[in-house]
Amino acid sequence: MRYEIIIKPTAEKSLDKIPWPMRRRIVDSITELRNNPRPTGVVKLAEDENLWRIRVGNYRVVYEIHDGRLIVLVLRVAHRKDVYRA
């Protein structure tokens, strides 16, 4: 089972602002979610039953998993100090 990765436009803009070496690591981590949307180290966020977070260095990727449709929706990509701010 391979999941489809969908990145929201706001997350894509945030990703474009991250320096290249770290951006490459983040993109690789997001790509790995296709095969395993719940990798080792993933954290389920308490505020919503469907929000998950992975760490990539000092950056966080917040996403939703839709198992019924095999979709991973990336909502936010940001530095750890900013990722949870609304």
Protein backbone atom coordinates (compact mmCIF):
# COMPACT_ATOMS: atom_id res chain seq x y z
CA MET A 1 0.00 0.00 0.00
CA ARG A 2 1.41 3.32 -1.06
CA TYR A 3 -0.09 6.55 0.16
CA GLU A 4 -0.47 9.60 -2.04
CA ILE A 5 1.33 12.68 -0.67
CA ILE A 6 -0.51 15.99 -0.95
CA ILE A 7 1.23 19.15 0.25
CA LYS A 8 -0.91 22.20 0.99
CA PRO A 9 0.22 25.35 -0.84
CA THR A 10 1.05 27.09 2.46
CA ALA A 11 3.30 24.19 3.48
CA GLU A 12 4.92 24.27 0.03
CA LYS A 13 5.70 28.00 0.44
CA SER A 14 7.21 27.38 3.87
CA LEU A 15 9.29 24.54 2.47
CA ASP A 16 10.62 26.78 -0.32
CA LYS A 17 11.99 29.23 2.27
CA ILE A 18 14.08 26.59 4.09
CA PRO A 19 17.80 26.45 3.16
CA TRP A 20 18.64 23.77 0.58
CA PRO A 21 20.44 21.03 2.60
CA MET A 22 17.69 20.93 5.22
CA ARG A 23 14.95 21.21 2.59
CA ARG A 24 16.36 18.09 0.89
CA ARG A 25 16.19 16.15 4.18
CA ILE A 26 12.61 17.30 4.80
CA VAL A 27 11.49 16.35 1.28
CA ASP A 28 13.12 12.93 1.68
CA SER A 29 11.27 12.42 4.98
CA ILE A 30 7.96 13.46 3.44
CA THR A 31 8.57 11.09 0.51
CA GLU A 32 9.18 8.20 2.93
CA LEU A 33 5.66 8.75 4.32
CA ARG A 34 4.33 7.13 1.13
CA ASN A 35 5.37 3.70 2.32
CA ASN A 36 4.95 4.22 6.06
CA PRO A 37 2.88 7.20 7.25
CA ARG A 38 3.63 6.27 10.88
CA PRO A 39 7.43 5.87 10.99
CA THR A 40 9.46 5.38 14.12
CA GLY A 41 9.51 8.62 16.13
CA VAL A 42 6.19 9.94 14.82
CA VAL A 43 4.06 11.72 17.43
CA LYS A 44 0.28 11.89 17.40
CA LEU A 45 -0.77 15.41 18.34
CA ALA A 46 -3.29 15.66 21.16
CA GLU A 47 -5.31 18.54 19.70
CA ASP A 48 -6.81 16.45 16.89
CA GLU A 49 -7.33 12.75 16.39
CA ASN A 50 -5.89 12.86 12.89
CA LEU A 51 -2.78 15.09 13.26
CA TRP A 52 0.71 13.62 13.30
CA ARG A 53 4.17 15.15 13.49
CA ILE A 54 7.64 14.08 12.43
CA ARG A 55 10.91 15.75 13.35
CA VAL A 56 13.59 16.54 10.82
CA GLY A 57 16.41 18.32 12.62
CA ASN A 58 14.98 21.54 14.07
CA TYR A 59 12.02 21.42 11.69
CA ARG A 60 8.64 19.75 12.09
CA VAL A 61 6.26 18.35 9.51
CA VAL A 62 2.61 18.27 10.63
CA TYR A 63 0.30 16.12 8.57
CA GLU A 64 -2.97 14.20 8.48
CA ILE A 65 -3.34 10.53 7.55
CA HIS A 66 -6.45 9.44 5.69
CA ASP A 67 -6.21 5.64 5.73
CA GLY A 68 -9.49 5.06 3.92
CA ARG A 69 -8.31 7.01 0.86
CA LEU A 70 -4.56 6.27 1.29
CA ILE A 71 -3.65 9.96 1.49
CA VAL A 72 -1.08 11.83 3.58
CA LEU A 73 -1.92 15.56 3.66
CA VAL A 74 1.03 17.75 4.71
CA LEU A 75 -0.38 20.79 6.50
CA ARG A 76 2.65 22.62 7.92
CA VAL A 77 6.41 22.59 7.59
CA ALA A 78 8.17 24.98 9.96
CA HIS A 79 10.94 25.48 12.48
CA ARG A 80 10.14 23.90 15.82
CA LYS A 81 9.67 27.29 17.51
CA ASP A 82 7.02 28.34 14.98
CA VAL A 83 5.23 25.18 13.88
CA TYR A 84 2.47 25.17 16.52
CA ARG A 85 1.58 28.86 16.25
CA ALA A 86 -1.70 29.51 14.50
